[in-house]
Amino acid sequence: MSNTTSFLTAHLETLRIQRWDDHRYYHHSRINQSLHLLSAVCFLVSYVLLFIDPAWAALLAWGVSMTSRQAGHFFFEPKGYDHVNEATHDHKEDIKVGYNLRRKVVLMSLWAAVPVVLYLSPTFLGLMRPWTDLIGYLQQLGILWLWVGVGGALFRTVHLFFLQGVMTGVVWLTKIMTDPVHDILLYWRSPLALLRGEFIDPMLHAHHPPPAH
């Protein structure tokens, strides 16, 4: 088996494990799952918009996709003992590969600070041409939010290189970039479950993880 084939095999297996752990540990709430479905659809639209207008793509990604996605984690996902996985909330926070809630507070605080700084300093501390109207402000904000998103993804990827190895970092970056498609496939039934009054996924499948590819 060539080195390239070995790398791809390891990459796909690590990706499968990261996706499975992300689902079983951090997506019990049907509301959270449904918000991830909304987020995923909007992210796919923003991916297309990247080739048309990157600023408006970022405005959609941060203004709708990220806010709905993180609201699900912060406000609706259970924080108590996880009987399905026999794990405490603190343990799950510690083993989270990507951004756990503590890291998300930092990232979302940075995201929220950007429009305030841009409003107070139309040149964004001398780094951009000044905006003169609302459309100009939104265009500049979108570009800044785009860089916040790219920077946040690359920062955690490189951070993982040192913490858990290059493979883990590369796979995590692959995972977050492809999460919209995977979330749609995984959570498209969640709104129907909510309509039936099921607010927590029983996670019966978590006791029988999918077979390795």
N, C-alpha and C. Protein backbone atom coordinates (compact mmCIF):
# COMPACT_ATOMS: atom_id res chain seq x y z
N MET A 1 0.85 -1.20 0.00
CA MET A 1 0.00 0.00 0.00
C MET A 1 0.89 1.25 0.00
N SER A 2 0.63 2.18 -0.92
CA SER A 2 1.45 3.37 -1.03
C SER A 2 1.22 4.29 0.16
N ASN A 3 2.17 5.23 0.35
CA ASN A 3 2.04 6.19 1.43
C ASN A 3 0.80 7.05 1.27
N THR A 4 0.50 7.41 0.00
CA THR A 4 -0.68 8.23 -0.26
C THR A 4 -1.96 7.49 0.11
N THR A 5 -2.03 6.21 -0.27
CA THR A 5 -3.20 5.41 0.05
C THR A 5 -3.34 5.24 1.56
N SER A 6 -2.22 5.02 2.22
CA SER A 6 -2.24 4.86 3.68
C SER A 6 -2.73 6.13 4.36
N PHE A 7 -2.25 7.28 3.84
CA PHE A 7 -2.66 8.56 4.42
C PHE A 7 -4.15 8.77 4.23
N LEU A 8 -4.66 8.49 3.03
CA LEU A 8 -6.09 8.68 2.76
C LEU A 8 -6.94 7.75 3.60
N THR A 9 -6.48 6.52 3.78
CA THR A 9 -7.22 5.56 4.60
C THR A 9 -7.28 6.04 6.05
N ALA A 10 -6.14 6.49 6.57
CA ALA A 10 -6.09 6.99 7.95
C ALA A 10 -6.92 8.25 8.09
N HIS A 11 -6.87 9.11 7.07
CA HIS A 11 -7.64 10.36 7.08
C HIS A 11 -9.13 10.07 7.15
N LEU A 12 -9.61 9.17 6.31
CA LEU A 12 -11.03 8.85 6.28
C LEU A 12 -11.49 8.19 7.58
N GLU A 13 -10.66 7.33 8.15
CA GLU A 13 -11.03 6.68 9.40
C GLU A 13 -11.06 7.68 10.55
N THR A 14 -10.08 8.58 10.59
CA THR A 14 -10.07 9.61 11.64
C THR A 14 -11.24 10.56 11.47
N LEU A 15 -11.58 10.87 10.24
CA LEU A 15 -12.74 11.72 9.97
C LEU A 15 -14.03 11.04 10.44
N ARG A 16 -14.14 9.75 10.18
CA ARG A 16 -15.33 9.00 10.63
C ARG A 16 -15.45 9.05 12.14
N ILE A 17 -14.33 8.88 12.83
CA ILE A 17 -14.35 8.88 14.29
C ILE A 17 -14.69 10.26 14.83
N GLN A 18 -14.09 11.31 14.26
CA GLN A 18 -14.39 12.66 14.72
C GLN A 18 -15.86 13.01 14.52
N ARG A 19 -16.41 12.63 13.37
CA ARG A 19 -17.83 12.91 13.11
C ARG A 19 -18.73 12.15 14.09
N TRP A 20 -18.39 10.89 14.31
CA TRP A 20 -19.21 10.07 15.20
C TRP A 20 -19.18 10.62 16.62
N ASP A 21 -17.99 10.96 17.11
CA ASP A 21 -17.86 11.50 18.47
C ASP A 21 -18.57 12.85 18.58
N ASP A 22 -18.46 13.67 17.55
CA ASP A 22 -19.12 14.98 17.57
C ASP A 22 -20.63 14.81 17.69
N HIS A 23 -21.17 13.85 16.95
CA HIS A 23 -22.62 13.63 16.99
C HIS A 23 -23.06 13.05 18.33
N ARG A 24 -22.43 12.00 18.79
CA ARG A 24 -22.92 11.29 19.98
C ARG A 24 -22.69 12.06 21.27
N TYR A 25 -21.65 12.90 21.30
CA TYR A 25 -21.36 13.65 22.51
C TYR A 25 -22.07 15.01 22.58
N TYR A 26 -22.23 15.68 21.43
CA TYR A 26 -22.57 17.10 21.48
C TYR A 26 -23.86 17.48 20.75
N HIS A 27 -24.66 16.49 20.34
CA HIS A 27 -25.87 16.82 19.59
C HIS A 27 -27.05 15.97 20.04
N HIS A 28 -27.37 16.04 21.31
CA HIS A 28 -28.50 15.28 21.86
C HIS A 28 -29.82 16.01 21.68
N SER A 29 -29.79 17.32 21.74
CA SER A 29 -31.01 18.12 21.66
C SER A 29 -31.56 18.14 20.24
N ARG A 30 -32.84 17.85 20.10
CA ARG A 30 -33.46 17.91 18.78
C ARG A 30 -33.52 19.36 18.27
N ILE A 31 -33.62 20.31 19.21
CA ILE A 31 -33.60 21.72 18.79
C ILE A 31 -32.21 22.07 18.25
N ASN A 32 -31.19 21.62 18.94
CA ASN A 32 -29.82 21.84 18.47
C ASN A 32 -29.62 21.20 17.10
N GLN A 33 -30.10 19.99 16.94
CA GLN A 33 -29.98 19.31 15.65
C GLN A 33 -30.71 20.08 14.55
N SER A 34 -31.91 20.58 14.86
CA SER A 34 -32.68 21.32 13.87
C SER A 34 -32.00 22.64 13.51
N LEU A 35 -31.41 23.29 14.49
CA LEU A 35 -30.67 24.52 14.22
C LEU A 35 -29.43 24.23 13.38
N HIS A 36 -28.84 23.07 13.60
CA HIS A 36 -27.71 22.67 12.75
C HIS A 36 -28.16 22.43 11.31
N LEU A 37 -29.37 21.93 11.15
CA LEU A 37 -29.91 21.75 9.81
C LEU A 37 -30.08 23.09 9.11
N LEU A 38 -30.67 24.06 9.81
CA LEU A 38 -30.79 25.42 9.27
C LEU A 38 -29.42 25.99 8.95
N SER A 39 -28.50 25.84 9.89
CA SER A 39 -27.14 26.34 9.70
C SER A 39 -26.48 25.73 8.47
N ALA A 40 -26.66 24.43 8.31
CA ALA A 40 -26.02 23.73 7.20
C ALA A 40 -26.53 24.22 5.85
N VAL A 41 -27.83 24.41 5.73
CA VAL A 41 -28.41 24.90 4.48
C VAL A 41 -27.86 26.30 4.15
N CYS A 42 -27.82 27.16 5.17
CA CYS A 42 -27.31 28.52 4.95
C CYS A 42 -25.82 28.51 4.62
N PHE A 43 -25.08 27.60 5.24
CA PHE A 43 -23.66 27.50 4.92
C PHE A 43 -23.44 27.09 3.46
N LEU A 44 -24.25 26.16 2.96
CA LEU A 44 -24.11 25.76 1.56
C LEU A 44 -24.39 26.93 0.63
N VAL A 45 -25.40 27.74 0.97
CA VAL A 45 -25.68 28.93 0.18
C VAL A 45 -24.49 29.89 0.24
N SER A 46 -23.91 30.04 1.43
CA SER A 46 -22.77 30.95 1.58
C SER A 46 -21.56 30.44 0.81
N TYR A 47 -21.40 29.12 0.70
CA TYR A 47 -20.30 28.55 -0.10
C TYR A 47 -20.43 29.00 -1.56
N VAL A 48 -21.65 28.98 -2.06
CA VAL A 48 -21.88 29.43 -3.44
C VAL A 48 -21.62 30.93 -3.55
N LEU A 49 -22.09 31.68 -2.56
CA LEU A 49 -21.92 33.13 -2.58
C LEU A 49 -20.45 33.55 -2.52
N LEU A 50 -19.60 32.68 -1.96
CA LEU A 50 -18.17 33.01 -1.90
C LEU A 50 -17.60 33.34 -3.27
N PHE A 51 -18.13 32.69 -4.31
CA PHE A 51 -17.63 32.90 -5.66
C PHE A 51 -18.30 34.10 -6.33
N ILE A 52 -19.31 34.65 -5.68
CA ILE A 52 -20.05 35.78 -6.25
C ILE A 52 -19.77 37.07 -5.48
N ASP A 53 -19.93 37.01 -4.17
CA ASP A 53 -19.70 38.16 -3.30
C ASP A 53 -19.25 37.65 -1.93
N PRO A 54 -17.95 37.57 -1.69
CA PRO A 54 -17.43 37.01 -0.44
C PRO A 54 -17.95 37.72 0.81
N ALA A 55 -18.15 39.03 0.72
CA ALA A 55 -18.62 39.78 1.89
C ALA A 55 -20.01 39.32 2.31
N TRP A 56 -20.92 39.21 1.35
CA TRP A 56 -22.28 38.79 1.68
C TRP A 56 -22.31 37.31 2.06
N ALA A 57 -21.39 36.52 1.52
CA ALA A 57 -21.28 35.13 1.94
C ALA A 57 -20.94 35.04 3.43
N ALA A 58 -19.99 35.88 3.86
CA ALA A 58 -19.60 35.89 5.27
C ALA A 58 -20.71 36.43 6.16
N LEU A 59 -21.44 37.43 5.68
CA LEU A 59 -22.56 37.97 6.46
C LEU A 59 -23.62 36.89 6.71
N LEU A 60 -23.90 36.10 5.67
CA LEU A 60 -24.87 35.01 5.84
C LEU A 60 -24.31 33.92 6.75
N ALA A 61 -23.04 33.57 6.54
CA ALA A 61 -22.43 32.50 7.32
C ALA A 61 -22.38 32.85 8.81
N TRP A 62 -21.96 34.07 9.11
CA TRP A 62 -21.87 34.47 10.52
C TRP A 62 -23.22 34.92 11.07
N GLY A 63 -23.97 35.67 10.28
CA GLY A 63 -25.21 36.25 10.78
C GLY A 63 -26.33 35.26 11.00
N VAL A 64 -26.35 34.18 10.21
CA VAL A 64 -27.40 33.17 10.35
C VAL A 64 -26.82 31.81 10.73
N SER A 65 -25.88 31.32 9.91
CA SER A 65 -25.38 29.96 10.12
C SER A 65 -24.69 29.78 11.46
N MET A 66 -23.74 30.65 11.76
CA MET A 66 -22.98 30.48 13.00
C MET A 66 -23.81 30.81 14.23
N THR A 67 -24.64 31.84 14.15
CA THR A 67 -25.45 32.21 15.32
C THR A 67 -26.46 31.11 15.65
N SER A 68 -27.12 30.56 14.65
CA SER A 68 -28.08 29.49 14.90
C SER A 68 -27.36 28.24 15.40
N ARG A 69 -26.24 27.95 14.83
CA ARG A 69 -25.47 26.76 15.20
C ARG A 69 -25.00 26.84 16.65
N GLN A 70 -24.43 27.98 17.01
CA GLN A 70 -23.89 28.11 18.37
C GLN A 70 -25.01 28.30 19.40
N ALA A 71 -26.12 28.90 19.00
CA ALA A 71 -27.26 29.01 19.92
C ALA A 71 -27.73 27.62 20.34
N GLY A 72 -27.71 26.68 19.40
CA GLY A 72 -28.10 25.31 19.73
C GLY A 72 -27.21 24.71 20.79
N HIS A 73 -25.91 24.95 20.69
CA HIS A 73 -24.98 24.40 21.67
C HIS A 73 -25.09 25.11 23.02
N PHE A 74 -25.16 26.43 23.00
CA PHE A 74 -25.15 27.20 24.24
C PHE A 74 -26.45 27.09 25.02
N PHE A 75 -27.59 27.11 24.32
CA PHE A 75 -28.87 27.26 25.01
C PHE A 75 -29.72 26.00 25.08
N PHE A 76 -29.49 25.05 24.19
CA PHE A 76 -30.40 23.90 24.13
C PHE A 76 -29.74 22.55 24.40
N GLU A 77 -28.46 22.45 24.19
CA GLU A 77 -27.80 21.17 24.41
C GLU A 77 -27.67 20.91 25.92
N PRO A 78 -28.07 19.72 26.40
CA PRO A 78 -27.99 19.41 27.84
C PRO A 78 -26.57 19.54 28.37
N LYS A 79 -26.45 20.10 29.58
CA LYS A 79 -25.13 20.29 30.18
C LYS A 79 -24.91 19.34 31.37
N GLY A 80 -25.88 18.49 31.64
CA GLY A 80 -25.74 17.57 32.78
C GLY A 80 -24.98 16.31 32.41
N TYR A 81 -25.08 15.32 33.28
CA TYR A 81 -24.37 14.07 33.05
C TYR A 81 -24.94 13.36 31.83
N ASP A 82 -24.08 12.88 30.96
CA ASP A 82 -24.46 12.21 29.73
C ASP A 82 -24.52 10.70 30.00
N HIS A 83 -25.74 10.19 30.23
CA HIS A 83 -25.90 8.78 30.55
C HIS A 83 -25.68 7.90 29.33
N VAL A 84 -25.90 8.43 28.15
CA VAL A 84 -25.69 7.64 26.93
C VAL A 84 -24.23 7.26 26.79
N ASN A 85 -23.35 8.25 27.00
CA ASN A 85 -21.92 8.02 26.84
C ASN A 85 -21.17 7.88 28.16
N GLU A 86 -21.92 7.95 29.27
CA GLU A 86 -21.34 7.85 30.61
C GLU A 86 -20.19 8.84 30.76
N ALA A 87 -20.52 10.11 30.52
CA ALA A 87 -19.50 11.16 30.57
C ALA A 87 -20.10 12.43 31.18
N THR A 88 -19.28 13.13 31.94
CA THR A 88 -19.73 14.42 32.49
C THR A 88 -19.56 15.51 31.43
N HIS A 89 -20.25 16.62 31.66
CA HIS A 89 -20.12 17.75 30.74
C HIS A 89 -18.67 18.26 30.72
N ASP A 90 -18.03 18.32 31.88
CA ASP A 90 -16.64 18.80 31.94
C ASP A 90 -15.72 17.88 31.15
N HIS A 91 -15.95 16.57 31.25
CA HIS A 91 -15.13 15.63 30.49
C HIS A 91 -15.29 15.86 28.99
N LYS A 92 -16.52 16.07 28.55
CA LYS A 92 -16.76 16.29 27.12
C LYS A 92 -16.13 17.60 26.65
N GLU A 93 -16.15 18.60 27.54
CA GLU A 93 -15.48 19.87 27.20
C GLU A 93 -13.98 19.65 27.02
N ASP A 94 -13.39 18.81 27.88
CA ASP A 94 -11.95 18.60 27.84
C ASP A 94 -11.51 17.82 26.62
N ILE A 95 -12.34 16.89 26.13
CA ILE A 95 -11.92 16.04 25.01
C ILE A 95 -12.40 16.57 23.66
N LYS A 96 -13.13 17.68 23.65
CA LYS A 96 -13.62 18.25 22.39
C LYS A 96 -12.45 18.57 21.48
N VAL A 97 -12.47 18.05 20.27
CA VAL A 97 -11.37 18.27 19.33
C VAL A 97 -11.36 19.71 18.83
N GLY A 98 -12.54 20.19 18.45
CA GLY A 98 -12.61 21.54 17.91
C GLY A 98 -12.80 22.58 18.99
N TYR A 99 -13.70 23.53 18.72
CA TYR A 99 -13.96 24.60 19.68
C TYR A 99 -14.98 24.13 20.71
N ASN A 100 -14.52 23.95 21.97
CA ASN A 100 -15.48 23.66 23.03
C ASN A 100 -16.16 24.97 23.43
N LEU A 101 -17.05 24.91 24.41
CA LEU A 101 -17.83 26.11 24.75
C LEU A 101 -16.94 27.25 25.24
N ARG A 102 -15.89 26.93 25.97
CA ARG A 102 -14.99 27.99 26.45
C ARG A 102 -14.30 28.68 25.28
N ARG A 103 -13.83 27.90 24.33
CA ARG A 103 -13.16 28.49 23.17
C ARG A 103 -14.17 29.25 22.31
N LYS A 104 -15.39 28.73 22.24
CA LYS A 104 -16.41 29.40 21.44
C LYS A 104 -16.76 30.76 22.02
N VAL A 105 -16.73 30.90 23.34
CA VAL A 105 -16.99 32.20 23.96
C VAL A 105 -15.96 33.21 23.47
N VAL A 106 -14.71 32.81 23.39
CA VAL A 106 -13.65 33.70 22.90
C VAL A 106 -13.89 34.06 21.43
N LEU A 107 -14.16 33.04 20.62
CA LEU A 107 -14.37 33.26 19.19
C LEU A 107 -15.58 34.14 18.93
N MET A 108 -16.70 33.85 19.61
CA MET A 108 -17.91 34.63 19.40
C MET A 108 -17.79 36.04 19.97
N SER A 109 -16.98 36.22 21.01
CA SER A 109 -16.73 37.56 21.54
C SER A 109 -15.96 38.39 20.52
N LEU A 110 -14.98 37.76 19.87
CA LEU A 110 -14.23 38.44 18.81
C LEU A 110 -15.15 38.81 17.66
N TRP A 111 -16.02 37.86 17.28
CA TRP A 111 -16.98 38.11 16.20
C TRP A 111 -17.88 39.29 16.55
N ALA A 112 -18.37 39.35 17.79
CA ALA A 112 -19.27 40.42 18.20
C ALA A 112 -18.56 41.77 18.32
N ALA A 113 -17.26 41.72 18.61
CA ALA A 113 -16.51 42.97 18.79
C ALA A 113 -16.21 43.66 17.46
N VAL A 114 -16.08 42.87 16.40
CA VAL A 114 -15.70 43.43 15.10
C VAL A 114 -16.65 44.51 14.60
N PRO A 115 -17.98 44.29 14.59
CA PRO A 115 -18.87 45.36 14.10
C PRO A 115 -18.84 46.61 14.97
N VAL A 116 -18.58 46.46 16.26
CA VAL A 116 -18.50 47.63 17.14
C VAL A 116 -17.26 48.45 16.80
N VAL A 117 -16.13 47.76 16.66
CA VAL A 117 -14.89 48.46 16.33
C VAL A 117 -15.00 49.12 14.96
N LEU A 118 -15.60 48.43 13.99
CA LEU A 118 -15.75 48.99 12.65
C LEU A 118 -16.65 50.21 12.67
N TYR A 119 -17.69 50.20 13.51
CA TYR A 119 -18.59 51.36 13.61
C TYR A 119 -17.87 52.55 14.22
N LEU A 120 -17.09 52.30 15.25
CA LEU A 120 -16.38 53.38 15.93
C LEU A 120 -15.19 53.88 15.12
N SER A 121 -14.60 52.98 14.33
CA SER A 121 -13.45 53.34 13.51
C SER A 121 -13.71 52.88 12.08
N PRO A 122 -14.29 53.74 11.24
CA PRO A 122 -14.67 53.34 9.87
C PRO A 122 -13.53 52.76 9.04
N THR A 123 -12.28 53.04 9.41
CA THR A 123 -11.14 52.44 8.70
C THR A 123 -10.66 51.16 9.39
N PHE A 124 -11.36 50.73 10.42
CA PHE A 124 -10.97 49.60 11.24
C PHE A 124 -9.51 49.73 11.66
N LEU A 125 -9.27 50.78 12.41
CA LEU A 125 -7.94 51.09 12.96
C LEU A 125 -6.91 51.29 11.86
N GLY A 126 -7.37 51.87 10.74
CA GLY A 126 -6.47 52.19 9.65
C GLY A 126 -6.15 51.06 8.70
N LEU A 127 -6.86 49.95 8.81
CA LEU A 127 -6.58 48.78 7.97
C LEU A 127 -7.43 48.72 6.71
N MET A 128 -8.49 49.53 6.63
CA MET A 128 -9.40 49.46 5.48
C MET A 128 -9.77 50.86 5.03
N ARG A 129 -10.30 50.94 3.82
CA ARG A 129 -10.86 52.21 3.38
C ARG A 129 -12.14 52.48 4.17
N PRO A 130 -12.38 53.71 4.56
CA PRO A 130 -13.54 53.99 5.42
C PRO A 130 -14.86 53.76 4.69
N TRP A 131 -15.82 53.24 5.44
CA TRP A 131 -17.17 53.08 4.90
C TRP A 131 -17.91 54.42 5.03
N THR A 132 -18.84 54.66 4.11
CA THR A 132 -19.55 55.95 4.12
C THR A 132 -21.07 55.79 4.22
N ASP A 133 -21.56 54.58 4.02
CA ASP A 133 -23.00 54.34 4.13
C ASP A 133 -23.23 52.92 4.65
N LEU A 134 -24.49 52.54 4.80
CA LEU A 134 -24.82 51.25 5.37
C LEU A 134 -24.30 50.10 4.54
N ILE A 135 -24.47 50.20 3.22
CA ILE A 135 -24.00 49.13 2.35
C ILE A 135 -22.49 48.99 2.46
N GLY A 136 -21.81 50.12 2.49
CA GLY A 136 -20.36 50.09 2.64
C GLY A 136 -19.94 49.46 3.96
N TYR A 137 -20.67 49.80 5.02
CA TYR A 137 -20.39 49.23 6.33
C TYR A 137 -20.56 47.71 6.31
N LEU A 138 -21.66 47.23 5.72
CA LEU A 138 -21.91 45.80 5.66
C LEU A 138 -20.87 45.07 4.81
N GLN A 139 -20.47 45.71 3.72
CA GLN A 139 -19.44 45.10 2.88
C GLN A 139 -18.13 44.94 3.65
N GLN A 140 -17.74 46.00 4.36
CA GLN A 140 -16.50 45.93 5.14
C GLN A 140 -16.63 44.91 6.27
N LEU A 141 -17.81 44.89 6.91
CA LEU A 141 -18.04 43.94 8.00
C LEU A 141 -17.95 42.50 7.50
N GLY A 142 -18.54 42.25 6.33
CA GLY A 142 -18.48 40.90 5.77
C GLY A 142 -17.06 40.44 5.52
N ILE A 143 -16.23 41.32 4.98
CA ILE A 143 -14.83 40.96 4.72
C ILE A 143 -14.10 40.66 6.03
N LEU A 144 -14.35 41.49 7.04
CA LEU A 144 -13.70 41.26 8.34
C LEU A 144 -14.17 39.96 8.96
N TRP A 145 -15.47 39.68 8.89
CA TRP A 145 -15.98 38.42 9.44
C TRP A 145 -15.44 37.23 8.67
N LEU A 146 -15.21 37.39 7.37
CA LEU A 146 -14.62 36.32 6.57
C LEU A 146 -13.24 35.98 7.11
N TRP A 147 -12.47 37.01 7.42
CA TRP A 147 -11.13 36.78 7.95
C TRP A 147 -11.17 36.20 9.35
N VAL A 148 -12.16 36.58 10.14
CA VAL A 148 -12.31 35.99 11.47
C VAL A 148 -12.59 34.49 11.34
N GLY A 149 -13.45 34.11 10.40
CA GLY A 149 -13.75 32.71 10.18
C GLY A 149 -12.55 31.92 9.70
N VAL A 150 -11.86 32.45 8.70
CA VAL A 150 -10.67 31.77 8.17
C VAL A 150 -9.60 31.68 9.25
N GLY A 151 -9.40 32.80 9.97
CA GLY A 151 -8.38 32.81 11.01
C GLY A 151 -8.70 31.84 12.14
N GLY A 152 -9.97 31.79 12.54
CA GLY A 152 -10.37 30.88 13.61
C GLY A 152 -10.16 29.43 13.23
N ALA A 153 -10.48 29.09 11.98
CA ALA A 153 -10.30 27.71 11.51
C ALA A 153 -8.82 27.34 11.44
N LEU A 154 -8.01 28.23 10.87
CA LEU A 154 -6.59 27.94 10.72
C LEU A 154 -5.88 27.92 12.07
N PHE A 155 -6.29 28.81 12.97
CA PHE A 155 -5.67 28.84 14.30
C PHE A 155 -5.86 27.51 15.03
N ARG A 156 -7.10 27.02 15.06
CA ARG A 156 -7.36 25.76 15.75
C ARG A 156 -6.70 24.59 15.04
N THR A 157 -6.64 24.63 13.72
CA THR A 157 -5.98 23.56 12.97
C THR A 157 -4.51 23.45 13.35
N VAL A 158 -3.81 24.59 13.33
CA VAL A 158 -2.39 24.59 13.69
C VAL A 158 -2.21 24.25 15.17
N HIS A 159 -3.12 24.73 16.00
CA HIS A 159 -3.08 24.40 17.43
C HIS A 159 -3.15 22.89 17.63
N LEU A 160 -4.04 22.23 16.87
CA LEU A 160 -4.16 20.78 16.96
C LEU A 160 -2.91 20.06 16.47
N PHE A 161 -2.21 20.68 15.52
CA PHE A 161 -0.95 20.08 15.06
C PHE A 161 -0.03 19.82 16.25
N PHE A 162 0.05 20.79 17.16
CA PHE A 162 0.95 20.68 18.30
C PHE A 162 0.35 19.83 19.42
N LEU A 163 -0.97 19.86 19.57
CA LEU A 163 -1.62 19.14 20.66
C LEU A 163 -1.80 17.66 20.36
N GLN A 164 -2.27 17.35 19.14
CA GLN A 164 -2.64 15.97 18.84
C GLN A 164 -2.07 15.44 17.53
N GLY A 165 -1.29 16.24 16.84
CA GLY A 165 -0.68 15.78 15.61
C GLY A 165 -1.28 16.39 14.36
N VAL A 166 -0.52 16.35 13.28
CA VAL A 166 -0.93 16.96 12.02
C VAL A 166 -2.20 16.30 11.48
N MET A 167 -2.27 14.98 11.58
CA MET A 167 -3.44 14.27 11.04
C MET A 167 -4.72 14.76 11.70
N THR A 168 -4.72 14.89 13.02
CA THR A 168 -5.92 15.35 13.72
C THR A 168 -6.33 16.74 13.25
N GLY A 169 -5.36 17.63 13.10
CA GLY A 169 -5.66 18.99 12.65
C GLY A 169 -6.21 19.04 11.25
N VAL A 170 -5.59 18.30 10.34
CA VAL A 170 -6.03 18.28 8.94
C VAL A 170 -7.43 17.68 8.84
N VAL A 171 -7.67 16.61 9.58
CA VAL A 171 -8.98 15.96 9.54
C VAL A 171 -10.05 16.89 10.12
N TRP A 172 -9.74 17.57 11.22
CA TRP A 172 -10.71 18.49 11.81
C TRP A 172 -11.08 19.60 10.82
N LEU A 173 -10.09 20.14 10.12
CA LEU A 173 -10.38 21.18 9.12
C LEU A 173 -11.25 20.62 8.01
N THR A 174 -10.96 19.41 7.56
CA THR A 174 -11.80 18.75 6.56
C THR A 174 -13.22 18.58 7.08
N LYS A 175 -13.33 18.20 8.34
CA LYS A 175 -14.64 17.96 8.93
C LYS A 175 -15.49 19.23 8.96
N ILE A 176 -14.92 20.34 9.44
CA ILE A 176 -15.75 21.55 9.56
C ILE A 176 -16.12 22.11 8.19
N MET A 177 -15.27 21.88 7.20
CA MET A 177 -15.59 22.37 5.86
C MET A 177 -16.70 21.55 5.21
N THR A 178 -16.78 20.28 5.58
CA THR A 178 -17.79 19.39 4.98
C THR A 178 -18.98 19.15 5.91
N ASP A 179 -18.96 19.74 7.10
CA ASP A 179 -20.06 19.55 8.05
C ASP A 179 -21.44 19.91 7.49
N PRO A 180 -21.57 20.98 6.68
CA PRO A 180 -22.91 21.31 6.19
C PRO A 180 -23.59 20.15 5.46
N VAL A 181 -22.87 19.47 4.58
CA VAL A 181 -23.45 18.34 3.86
C VAL A 181 -23.76 17.21 4.82
N HIS A 182 -22.82 16.92 5.71
CA HIS A 182 -23.01 15.82 6.65
C HIS A 182 -24.17 16.11 7.60
N ASP A 183 -24.29 17.35 8.07
CA ASP A 183 -25.37 17.71 8.99
C ASP A 183 -26.74 17.56 8.34
N ILE A 184 -26.84 17.91 7.07
CA ILE A 184 -28.12 17.76 6.38
C ILE A 184 -28.51 16.28 6.30
N LEU A 185 -27.54 15.44 5.97
CA LEU A 185 -27.81 14.01 5.89
C LEU A 185 -28.16 13.43 7.25
N LEU A 186 -27.58 13.99 8.31
CA LEU A 186 -27.75 13.44 9.65
C LEU A 186 -29.00 13.96 10.35
N TYR A 187 -29.36 15.24 10.11
CA TYR A 187 -30.38 15.88 10.94
C TYR A 187 -31.63 16.32 10.18
N TRP A 188 -31.82 15.85 8.97
CA TRP A 188 -32.99 16.32 8.21
C TRP A 188 -34.31 15.84 8.84
N ARG A 189 -34.26 14.79 9.65
CA ARG A 189 -35.47 14.31 10.31
C ARG A 189 -35.73 14.99 11.66
N SER A 190 -34.77 15.76 12.14
CA SER A 190 -34.89 16.33 13.49
C SER A 190 -36.10 17.24 13.65
N PRO A 191 -36.42 18.13 12.68
CA PRO A 191 -37.64 18.94 12.84
C PRO A 191 -38.90 18.09 12.96
N LEU A 192 -38.95 16.97 12.26
CA LEU A 192 -40.11 16.08 12.37
C LEU A 192 -40.20 15.48 13.77
N ALA A 193 -39.04 15.15 14.35
CA ALA A 193 -39.03 14.62 15.72
C ALA A 193 -39.52 15.68 16.69
N LEU A 194 -39.14 16.93 16.46
CA LEU A 194 -39.61 18.02 17.32
C LEU A 194 -41.12 18.16 17.26
N LEU A 195 -41.68 18.04 16.06
CA LEU A 195 -43.13 18.13 15.90
C LEU A 195 -43.85 17.01 16.65
N ARG A 196 -43.16 15.90 16.83
CA ARG A 196 -43.76 14.79 17.60
C ARG A 196 -43.58 14.99 19.10
N GLY A 197 -42.90 16.08 19.47
CA GLY A 197 -42.69 16.36 20.89
C GLY A 197 -41.45 15.72 21.47
N GLU A 198 -40.55 15.26 20.61
CA GLU A 198 -39.31 14.63 21.08
C GLU A 198 -38.21 15.68 21.11
N PHE A 199 -37.87 16.15 22.31
CA PHE A 199 -36.90 17.22 22.44
C PHE A 199 -35.47 16.71 22.62
N ILE A 200 -35.33 15.46 23.03
CA ILE A 200 -34.01 14.87 23.20
C ILE A 200 -33.92 13.59 22.37
N ASP A 201 -32.89 13.50 21.56
CA ASP A 201 -32.66 12.30 20.77
C ASP A 201 -32.32 11.15 21.73
N PRO A 202 -33.07 10.05 21.69
CA PRO A 202 -32.76 8.93 22.59
C PRO A 202 -31.39 8.32 22.35
N MET A 203 -30.80 8.60 21.20
CA MET A 203 -29.43 8.15 20.88
C MET A 203 -29.26 6.64 21.04
N LEU A 204 -30.29 5.89 20.68
CA LEU A 204 -30.19 4.44 20.76
C LEU A 204 -29.06 3.91 19.89
N HIS A 205 -28.82 4.58 18.78
CA HIS A 205 -27.76 4.15 17.87
C HIS A 205 -26.37 4.37 18.45
N ALA A 206 -26.27 5.21 19.49
CA ALA A 206 -24.96 5.49 20.07
C ALA A 206 -24.37 4.26 20.75
N HIS A 207 -25.23 3.30 21.09
CA HIS A 207 -24.74 2.07 21.70
C HIS A 207 -24.23 1.09 20.64
N HIS A 208 -24.49 1.41 19.39
CA HIS A 208 -24.07 0.56 18.29
C HIS A 208 -23.45 1.44 17.22
N PRO A 209 -22.21 1.88 17.42
CA PRO A 209 -21.57 2.79 16.46
C PRO A 209 -21.48 2.18 15.07
N PRO A 210 -21.50 3.02 14.05
CA PRO A 210 -21.44 2.51 12.67
C PRO A 210 -20.14 1.76 12.43
N PRO A 211 -20.19 0.73 11.61
CA PRO A 211 -18.99 -0.06 11.36
C PRO A 211 -17.93 0.75 10.65
N ALA A 212 -16.68 0.41 10.87
CA ALA A 212 -15.57 1.10 10.20
C ALA A 212 -15.63 0.80 8.72
N HIS A 213 -15.21 1.80 7.93
CA HIS A 213 -15.22 1.61 6.47
C HIS A 213 -14.04 0.73 6.07
